N, C-alpha and C. Protein backbone atom coordinates (compact mmCIF):
# COMPACT_ATOMS: atom_id res chain seq x y z
N MET A 1 60.84 59.48 -70.93
CA MET A 1 61.57 59.39 -72.04
C MET A 1 60.97 60.14 -73.38
N VAL A 2 61.90 61.34 -73.82
CA VAL A 2 61.07 61.99 -74.88
C VAL A 2 61.52 61.26 -75.90
N PRO A 3 60.21 61.32 -76.62
CA PRO A 3 59.93 60.72 -78.00
C PRO A 3 61.01 61.26 -79.10
N LEU A 4 61.66 60.25 -79.81
CA LEU A 4 62.35 60.68 -80.90
C LEU A 4 62.18 61.90 -81.79
N GLY A 5 61.35 62.23 -81.94
CA GLY A 5 60.80 63.14 -83.25
C GLY A 5 60.73 64.26 -82.35
N VAL A 6 60.66 64.83 -81.29
CA VAL A 6 60.84 65.93 -80.58
C VAL A 6 62.54 65.84 -80.38
N CYS A 7 62.84 64.96 -79.90
CA CYS A 7 64.58 65.24 -79.62
C CYS A 7 65.19 65.52 -81.15
N ASN A 8 64.69 65.18 -82.82
CA ASN A 8 65.26 65.64 -83.71
C ASN A 8 64.43 67.12 -83.98
N HIS A 9 63.61 67.09 -83.12
CA HIS A 9 63.23 68.86 -83.71
C HIS A 9 64.11 69.79 -83.09
N ILE A 10 64.21 69.38 -81.73
CA ILE A 10 65.19 70.00 -80.65
C ILE A 10 66.89 69.97 -81.40
N ARG A 11 67.44 68.92 -82.03
CA ARG A 11 68.59 69.34 -82.85
C ARG A 11 68.40 70.37 -83.85
N TYR A 12 67.18 70.19 -85.24
CA TYR A 12 66.89 70.90 -85.84
C TYR A 12 67.06 72.37 -85.44
N VAL A 13 66.48 72.80 -84.22
CA VAL A 13 66.01 74.09 -83.71
C VAL A 13 67.80 74.69 -83.24
N LEU A 14 68.41 73.68 -82.66
CA LEU A 14 69.90 74.04 -82.08
C LEU A 14 70.97 74.40 -83.59
N ILE A 15 70.67 73.33 -84.34
CA ILE A 15 71.75 73.58 -85.66
C ILE A 15 71.19 75.19 -86.13
N GLN A 16 69.96 75.14 -86.27
CA GLN A 16 69.38 76.25 -87.13
C GLN A 16 70.10 77.99 -86.55
N SER A 17 70.07 77.75 -85.32
CA SER A 17 70.36 78.87 -84.11
C SER A 17 71.66 79.47 -84.73
N SER A 18 72.03 80.71 -84.54
CA SER A 18 73.59 80.91 -85.12
C SER A 18 74.37 81.29 -83.66
N GLU A 19 73.71 81.17 -82.66
CA GLU A 19 74.26 80.82 -81.33
C GLU A 19 75.15 79.55 -81.06
N GLU A 20 76.04 79.83 -80.21
CA GLU A 20 76.62 78.97 -79.70
C GLU A 20 76.13 77.58 -78.71
N VAL A 21 75.98 76.31 -79.26
CA VAL A 21 75.13 76.06 -78.41
C VAL A 21 75.74 74.86 -77.58
N THR A 22 75.22 75.28 -76.27
CA THR A 22 75.72 74.54 -75.16
C THR A 22 75.11 73.53 -74.19
N PHE A 23 75.69 72.96 -73.36
CA PHE A 23 74.70 72.12 -72.57
C PHE A 23 73.52 72.59 -71.98
N ASP A 24 73.84 73.96 -71.18
CA ASP A 24 72.98 74.68 -70.93
C ASP A 24 71.59 75.16 -71.77
N THR A 25 71.91 75.53 -72.81
CA THR A 25 71.02 76.17 -73.70
C THR A 25 69.99 74.73 -74.36
N SER A 26 70.60 73.67 -74.26
CA SER A 26 69.77 72.47 -74.71
C SER A 26 69.00 71.94 -73.48
N VAL A 27 69.31 72.20 -72.48
CA VAL A 27 68.40 71.78 -71.14
C VAL A 27 67.70 72.78 -71.18
N ASN A 28 67.83 74.70 -71.30
CA ASN A 28 66.79 74.89 -71.22
C ASN A 28 65.81 74.69 -71.95
N ILE A 29 66.06 74.46 -73.29
CA ILE A 29 64.98 74.00 -74.65
C ILE A 29 64.28 72.90 -74.00
N MET A 30 65.16 72.19 -73.74
CA MET A 30 64.34 70.84 -72.78
C MET A 30 63.06 71.28 -71.85
N TYR A 31 63.43 71.99 -70.88
CA TYR A 31 62.71 72.39 -69.56
C TYR A 31 61.36 73.05 -70.35
N LEU A 32 61.72 74.25 -71.48
CA LEU A 32 60.64 74.63 -71.67
C LEU A 32 59.54 74.04 -72.78
N TRP A 33 60.11 72.69 -73.16
CA TRP A 33 59.60 72.37 -74.19
C TRP A 33 58.67 71.19 -73.22
N LEU A 34 58.98 70.59 -72.05
CA LEU A 34 58.49 69.76 -70.97
C LEU A 34 57.29 70.83 -70.24
N MET A 35 57.54 71.85 -69.95
CA MET A 35 56.70 72.62 -69.21
C MET A 35 55.16 72.99 -70.55
N SER A 36 55.75 73.40 -71.76
CA SER A 36 54.75 73.19 -72.49
C SER A 36 53.81 72.19 -72.85
N GLU A 37 54.50 70.82 -72.31
CA GLU A 37 53.83 69.93 -72.49
C GLU A 37 53.14 69.51 -71.11
N GLN A 38 53.46 70.02 -70.09
CA GLN A 38 52.78 70.21 -68.79
C GLN A 38 52.00 70.80 -68.91
N SER A 39 52.09 72.29 -69.35
CA SER A 39 50.79 72.93 -69.47
C SER A 39 49.60 72.63 -70.49
N THR A 40 49.86 71.76 -71.44
CA THR A 40 48.93 71.40 -72.41
C THR A 40 48.29 70.08 -71.52
N LEU A 41 48.95 69.35 -70.86
CA LEU A 41 48.05 68.42 -70.06
C LEU A 41 47.29 68.32 -69.18
N SER A 42 47.61 70.03 -68.31
CA SER A 42 47.03 70.55 -67.30
C SER A 42 46.24 71.13 -67.98
N ASN A 43 45.59 71.89 -69.19
CA ASN A 43 44.89 72.55 -69.80
C ASN A 43 43.73 71.17 -70.29
N ILE A 44 44.32 70.10 -70.51
CA ILE A 44 43.52 69.18 -71.03
C ILE A 44 42.46 68.56 -69.67
N GLN A 45 43.29 68.19 -68.33
CA GLN A 45 43.26 67.93 -67.75
C GLN A 45 41.66 68.64 -66.90
N GLU A 46 41.94 70.14 -66.84
CA GLU A 46 41.04 70.96 -66.57
C GLU A 46 39.77 71.07 -67.49
N GLN A 47 39.90 70.80 -68.77
CA GLN A 47 39.04 70.75 -69.62
C GLN A 47 38.23 69.43 -69.46
N LEU A 48 39.06 68.42 -69.32
CA LEU A 48 38.11 66.93 -68.66
C LEU A 48 37.17 67.07 -67.54
N ILE A 49 37.79 67.97 -66.62
CA ILE A 49 37.02 67.88 -65.23
C ILE A 49 35.86 68.37 -65.54
N ALA A 50 35.85 69.95 -66.03
CA ALA A 50 34.80 70.84 -66.66
C ALA A 50 33.50 69.78 -67.63
N ALA A 51 34.28 69.07 -68.63
CA ALA A 51 33.14 68.20 -69.12
C ALA A 51 32.57 67.21 -68.29
N LEU A 52 33.41 66.69 -67.23
CA LEU A 52 32.89 65.74 -66.50
C LEU A 52 31.69 66.70 -65.37
N GLU A 53 31.74 67.69 -65.09
CA GLU A 53 30.78 68.26 -64.36
C GLU A 53 29.27 68.49 -64.88
N LYS A 54 29.94 69.07 -66.28
CA LYS A 54 28.72 69.51 -66.87
C LYS A 54 27.95 67.92 -67.44
N SER A 55 28.82 66.76 -67.41
CA SER A 55 28.12 65.75 -67.61
C SER A 55 27.02 65.36 -66.33
N LYS A 56 27.85 65.15 -65.53
CA LYS A 56 27.04 65.04 -64.54
C LYS A 56 25.99 66.04 -63.99
N VAL A 57 25.77 66.75 -64.25
CA VAL A 57 25.01 67.83 -64.48
C VAL A 57 23.48 67.33 -65.33
N ALA A 58 24.08 67.58 -66.52
CA ALA A 58 23.15 67.10 -67.72
C ALA A 58 22.38 65.30 -67.26
N SER A 59 23.39 64.75 -66.56
CA SER A 59 23.00 63.05 -66.03
C SER A 59 21.67 63.52 -64.86
N LYS A 60 21.93 64.62 -64.13
CA LYS A 60 21.02 64.83 -62.92
C LYS A 60 19.50 64.83 -63.91
N THR A 61 19.96 66.29 -64.53
CA THR A 61 18.57 66.71 -65.27
C THR A 61 17.86 65.68 -66.33
N LEU A 62 18.35 64.64 -66.50
CA LEU A 62 18.03 63.71 -67.46
C LEU A 62 17.10 62.74 -66.45
N GLU A 63 17.89 62.17 -65.38
CA GLU A 63 16.96 61.28 -64.34
C GLU A 63 15.88 62.01 -63.40
N ASP A 64 15.86 64.00 -63.55
CA ASP A 64 14.78 64.17 -62.73
C ASP A 64 13.85 64.11 -64.24
N ALA A 65 14.11 64.67 -65.55
CA ALA A 65 13.07 64.52 -66.25
C ALA A 65 12.32 63.53 -66.69
N LYS A 66 13.04 62.10 -66.65
CA LYS A 66 12.57 60.73 -66.50
C LYS A 66 11.48 60.45 -65.12
N ALA A 67 12.55 60.83 -63.98
CA ALA A 67 11.36 60.67 -62.77
C ALA A 67 9.64 61.37 -63.10
N LYS A 68 9.81 62.74 -63.61
CA LYS A 68 8.94 63.27 -63.84
C LYS A 68 7.86 62.67 -64.81
N LEU A 69 8.76 62.17 -65.58
CA LEU A 69 7.93 61.61 -67.15
C LEU A 69 7.20 60.55 -66.69
N ALA A 70 7.45 59.36 -65.70
CA ALA A 70 7.09 58.00 -65.73
C ALA A 70 5.70 58.37 -65.16
N PRO A 71 4.92 58.98 -64.26
CA PRO A 71 3.55 58.90 -63.71
C PRO A 71 2.95 59.55 -65.17
N LEU A 72 3.65 60.51 -65.98
CA LEU A 72 2.58 60.78 -67.21
C LEU A 72 2.66 59.61 -68.43
N GLU A 73 3.94 58.72 -68.52
CA GLU A 73 3.46 57.69 -69.06
C GLU A 73 2.54 56.50 -68.42
N VAL A 74 2.37 56.23 -67.14
CA VAL A 74 1.34 55.33 -67.21
C VAL A 74 -0.17 56.32 -67.51
N LYS A 75 -0.32 57.12 -66.90
CA LYS A 75 -1.45 57.80 -67.01
C LYS A 75 -1.63 57.77 -68.60
N ALA A 76 -0.83 57.75 -69.79
CA ALA A 76 -1.37 57.94 -71.08
C ALA A 76 -1.63 56.35 -71.55
N ALA A 77 -0.95 55.71 -70.99
CA ALA A 77 -1.22 54.08 -71.16
C ALA A 77 -2.07 53.90 -70.57
N ASP A 78 -2.63 53.82 -69.56
CA ASP A 78 -4.54 53.96 -69.02
C ASP A 78 -5.07 54.56 -69.79
N ALA A 79 -4.98 55.96 -70.18
CA ALA A 79 -6.11 56.50 -71.21
C ALA A 79 -6.05 55.64 -72.51
N GLN A 80 -5.07 55.56 -73.28
CA GLN A 80 -5.13 54.90 -74.33
C GLN A 80 -5.51 53.10 -74.12
N GLU A 81 -5.52 52.37 -73.01
CA GLU A 81 -5.88 51.75 -72.56
C GLU A 81 -7.73 51.50 -72.68
N HIS A 82 -8.21 52.68 -72.06
CA HIS A 82 -9.60 52.97 -71.84
C HIS A 82 -10.26 53.49 -73.18
N VAL A 83 -9.30 54.07 -74.30
CA VAL A 83 -9.85 54.69 -75.56
C VAL A 83 -10.17 53.41 -76.32
N THR A 84 -9.10 52.15 -76.06
CA THR A 84 -9.00 50.59 -77.09
C THR A 84 -10.41 50.16 -76.45
N HIS A 85 -10.62 50.10 -75.31
CA HIS A 85 -11.93 49.36 -74.49
C HIS A 85 -12.91 49.92 -75.22
N LEU A 86 -13.22 51.63 -75.11
CA LEU A 86 -14.49 52.03 -75.70
C LEU A 86 -14.62 51.84 -77.37
N LEU A 87 -13.37 51.84 -77.72
CA LEU A 87 -13.87 51.60 -79.52
C LEU A 87 -13.97 50.01 -79.89
N ASN A 88 -13.80 49.32 -78.89
CA ASN A 88 -14.25 47.61 -78.93
C ASN A 88 -15.41 47.44 -78.74
N GLU A 89 -16.02 48.21 -77.37
CA GLU A 89 -17.54 48.06 -77.13
C GLU A 89 -18.29 49.10 -78.28
N TYR A 90 -17.82 50.29 -78.99
CA TYR A 90 -18.50 50.80 -79.66
C TYR A 90 -18.61 49.64 -80.94
N ASN A 91 -17.52 49.16 -81.40
CA ASN A 91 -17.61 48.41 -82.78
C ASN A 91 -18.39 46.89 -82.21
N ARG A 92 -18.16 46.63 -81.41
CA ARG A 92 -19.52 45.30 -81.10
C ARG A 92 -20.76 45.58 -80.92
N LEU A 93 -21.28 46.75 -80.56
CA LEU A 93 -22.65 47.40 -80.30
C LEU A 93 -23.30 47.54 -81.43
N THR A 94 -22.05 48.04 -82.62
CA THR A 94 -22.57 48.73 -83.86
C THR A 94 -22.37 47.47 -85.06
N GLY A 95 -21.59 46.36 -84.60
CA GLY A 95 -21.47 45.19 -85.34
C GLY A 95 -20.46 45.48 -86.06
N HIS A 96 -19.45 46.11 -85.75
CA HIS A 96 -18.29 46.70 -86.98
C HIS A 96 -17.03 46.08 -86.14
N VAL A 97 -17.35 44.79 -85.74
CA VAL A 97 -16.05 43.77 -85.40
C VAL A 97 -14.83 43.71 -86.44
N ARG A 98 -13.82 44.25 -86.03
CA ARG A 98 -12.66 43.96 -86.83
C ARG A 98 -11.95 42.72 -86.80
N SER A 99 -11.70 42.42 -88.02
CA SER A 99 -11.20 40.77 -87.89
C SER A 99 -9.58 40.92 -87.74
N LYS A 100 -9.31 39.54 -86.42
CA LYS A 100 -8.15 39.66 -86.06
C LYS A 100 -7.04 38.96 -86.99
N GLY A 101 -5.80 39.16 -87.42
CA GLY A 101 -5.12 38.00 -87.92
C GLY A 101 -5.56 38.15 -89.68
N ARG A 102 -4.77 37.24 -90.29
CA ARG A 102 -4.96 36.76 -91.70
C ARG A 102 -6.93 36.27 -91.64
N THR A 103 -7.35 36.98 -93.19
CA THR A 103 -8.56 36.67 -93.12
C THR A 103 -8.51 35.61 -94.54
N ARG A 104 -9.27 34.36 -94.13
CA ARG A 104 -9.63 33.78 -95.13
C ARG A 104 -10.93 33.98 -95.85
N ALA A 105 -10.86 33.15 -97.06
CA ALA A 105 -12.46 32.63 -97.59
C ALA A 105 -13.62 32.16 -96.41
N LYS A 106 -14.60 32.93 -96.46
CA LYS A 106 -15.55 32.55 -95.40
C LYS A 106 -16.29 31.85 -96.20
N TYR A 107 -16.88 30.63 -95.51
CA TYR A 107 -18.18 29.81 -95.92
C TYR A 107 -18.85 29.48 -95.30
N ASN A 108 -20.36 29.10 -95.64
CA ASN A 108 -21.48 29.48 -94.43
C ASN A 108 -21.95 28.18 -93.88
N GLN A 109 -21.81 27.72 -92.71
CA GLN A 109 -21.93 26.27 -92.50
C GLN A 109 -23.06 26.25 -91.46
N THR A 110 -24.18 25.65 -92.12
CA THR A 110 -25.40 25.46 -91.59
C THR A 110 -25.39 24.58 -90.36
N PRO A 111 -26.52 24.77 -89.56
CA PRO A 111 -26.34 24.01 -87.94
C PRO A 111 -26.31 22.37 -88.64
N GLU A 112 -27.41 21.94 -89.61
CA GLU A 112 -27.10 20.79 -89.81
C GLU A 112 -26.03 19.97 -89.98
N SER A 113 -25.17 20.80 -90.80
CA SER A 113 -23.77 20.34 -91.38
C SER A 113 -22.80 20.23 -90.28
N LYS A 114 -23.21 21.50 -89.10
CA LYS A 114 -22.33 21.11 -87.68
C LYS A 114 -22.52 20.29 -86.49
N LEU A 115 -24.24 19.42 -86.77
CA LEU A 115 -24.63 18.42 -86.25
C LEU A 115 -24.24 16.93 -86.62
N ALA A 116 -24.16 17.15 -88.20
CA ALA A 116 -23.35 15.80 -88.92
C ALA A 116 -22.10 15.71 -88.24
N ALA A 117 -21.32 16.89 -88.54
CA ALA A 117 -19.93 16.88 -88.06
C ALA A 117 -19.37 16.06 -86.62
N GLN A 118 -20.23 16.72 -85.52
CA GLN A 118 -20.17 16.31 -84.33
C GLN A 118 -20.47 15.24 -84.25
N GLU A 119 -21.28 14.72 -84.74
CA GLU A 119 -21.82 13.04 -84.53
C GLU A 119 -20.96 12.42 -85.48
N LYS A 120 -20.25 12.54 -86.29
CA LYS A 120 -19.24 11.46 -86.82
C LYS A 120 -18.24 11.58 -85.71
N ARG A 121 -17.61 13.12 -85.37
CA ARG A 121 -16.56 13.07 -84.65
C ARG A 121 -16.94 12.44 -83.25
N SER A 122 -18.01 12.43 -82.71
CA SER A 122 -18.28 11.61 -81.28
C SER A 122 -18.09 10.02 -81.68
N TYR A 123 -18.91 9.64 -82.60
CA TYR A 123 -18.87 8.44 -82.79
C TYR A 123 -17.32 7.92 -83.06
N SER A 124 -16.79 8.59 -84.04
CA SER A 124 -14.64 8.13 -84.25
C SER A 124 -14.39 7.78 -83.06
N ARG A 125 -14.64 9.16 -82.11
CA ARG A 125 -13.65 9.38 -80.98
C ARG A 125 -14.25 8.16 -80.16
N ALA A 126 -15.16 7.86 -79.89
CA ALA A 126 -16.16 6.53 -79.23
C ALA A 126 -15.30 5.70 -79.36
N VAL A 127 -15.58 4.72 -80.86
CA VAL A 127 -15.14 3.90 -81.14
C VAL A 127 -13.35 3.74 -81.03
N ASN A 128 -12.96 4.58 -81.29
CA ASN A 128 -11.56 4.51 -81.37
C ASN A 128 -10.66 4.53 -80.05
N SER A 129 -11.68 4.80 -78.76
CA SER A 129 -11.63 4.97 -77.19
C SER A 129 -11.78 3.25 -76.65
N GLY A 130 -12.49 2.46 -77.86
CA GLY A 130 -12.65 0.98 -77.04
C GLY A 130 -13.87 0.84 -77.05
N SER A 131 -15.05 1.47 -77.20
CA SER A 131 -16.39 1.70 -76.84
C SER A 131 -17.45 0.77 -78.31
N SER A 132 -18.07 0.23 -77.82
CA SER A 132 -18.85 -1.12 -78.27
C SER A 132 -19.82 -0.34 -79.71
N GLU A 133 -19.76 -0.62 -80.72
CA GLU A 133 -20.75 0.30 -81.54
C GLU A 133 -21.73 0.67 -81.18
N ALA A 134 -22.71 0.06 -80.65
CA ALA A 134 -23.92 0.52 -79.86
C ALA A 134 -23.50 2.21 -78.83
N GLU A 135 -22.95 1.80 -78.25
CA GLU A 135 -22.43 2.62 -77.13
C GLU A 135 -21.60 4.33 -77.78
N ALA A 136 -20.99 3.75 -79.04
CA ALA A 136 -20.30 4.97 -79.54
C ALA A 136 -21.57 5.51 -80.38
N LYS A 137 -22.47 5.10 -80.67
CA LYS A 137 -23.83 5.60 -81.89
C LYS A 137 -24.27 6.23 -80.12
N LYS A 138 -24.74 5.86 -79.29
CA LYS A 138 -25.74 6.49 -78.24
C LYS A 138 -24.51 7.79 -77.86
N ILE A 139 -23.61 7.49 -77.43
CA ILE A 139 -22.23 8.78 -77.34
C ILE A 139 -22.65 9.94 -78.25
N ALA A 140 -22.76 9.72 -79.99
CA ALA A 140 -22.58 10.28 -80.56
C ALA A 140 -23.92 10.99 -80.82
N ARG A 141 -25.36 10.36 -80.87
CA ARG A 141 -26.39 11.15 -80.24
C ARG A 141 -26.75 11.91 -79.13
N ASP A 142 -26.11 11.64 -78.07
CA ASP A 142 -26.17 12.71 -77.09
C ASP A 142 -25.42 14.17 -77.23
N ALA A 143 -24.27 13.74 -77.88
CA ALA A 143 -23.56 14.64 -78.36
C ALA A 143 -23.97 15.64 -79.21
N VAL A 144 -25.02 15.08 -80.21
CA VAL A 144 -25.56 16.14 -81.53
C VAL A 144 -26.73 16.80 -80.44
N LYS A 145 -27.50 15.78 -79.20
CA LYS A 145 -28.61 16.57 -78.79
C LYS A 145 -28.19 17.75 -78.12
N LYS A 146 -27.09 17.94 -77.59
CA LYS A 146 -26.27 18.80 -76.73
C LYS A 146 -26.19 20.06 -77.81
N LEU A 147 -25.37 19.81 -78.78
CA LEU A 147 -25.29 20.86 -80.04
C LEU A 147 -26.16 21.47 -80.15
N ALA A 148 -27.69 20.76 -80.60
CA ALA A 148 -28.61 21.39 -81.23
C ALA A 148 -28.96 21.89 -79.91
N ALA A 149 -29.03 21.76 -78.62
CA ALA A 149 -29.63 22.55 -77.82
C ALA A 149 -28.90 23.87 -77.82
N ARG A 150 -27.84 23.84 -77.66
CA ARG A 150 -26.79 24.98 -78.02
C ARG A 150 -26.96 25.86 -79.09
N LEU A 151 -27.40 25.21 -80.32
CA LEU A 151 -27.50 26.21 -81.56
C LEU A 151 -28.96 26.47 -81.62
N GLY A 152 -29.76 25.80 -81.01
CA GLY A 152 -31.19 26.29 -80.85
C GLY A 152 -31.89 25.72 -81.54
N VAL A 153 -31.25 24.50 -82.53
CA VAL A 153 -32.27 23.80 -83.89
C VAL A 153 -32.61 22.42 -83.06
N LYS A 154 -33.63 22.11 -84.13
CA LYS A 154 -34.52 20.41 -83.30
C LYS A 154 -32.97 19.32 -84.08
N ALA A 155 -32.74 18.29 -83.41
CA ALA A 155 -32.15 17.27 -83.76
C ALA A 155 -32.26 16.02 -84.67
């Protein structure tokens, strides 16, 4: 079916022409219009086929480039990991240890305060788990002795 706008355009051309319009003339005009549309469609199809072929070649080139790039990315990641390891080792040996995450106000905990906290914690745990008071005190003393040995101080 021919679009209405095309029919109106053909009528306008036929009316403007000074020749006598016959059925054959209108059929010829319609045939010429259809052929021009056909050639336009075939041109578009040719362009589409050419574009698809170019896209196929470009995709193949991209896949080849990605395949060549993958081993390089692995090597770069390994090298970066090695550099990070060396930097961490250097900082550890020089004492320049970076803090991780948020930093808070630091305060100095003495070994004595750590021992007192451990004793209280161990005593509370023992009592809460059902031990008698004497057993809880013994468990707390043992925990303090272990922590003192680890810290290198006298209990």
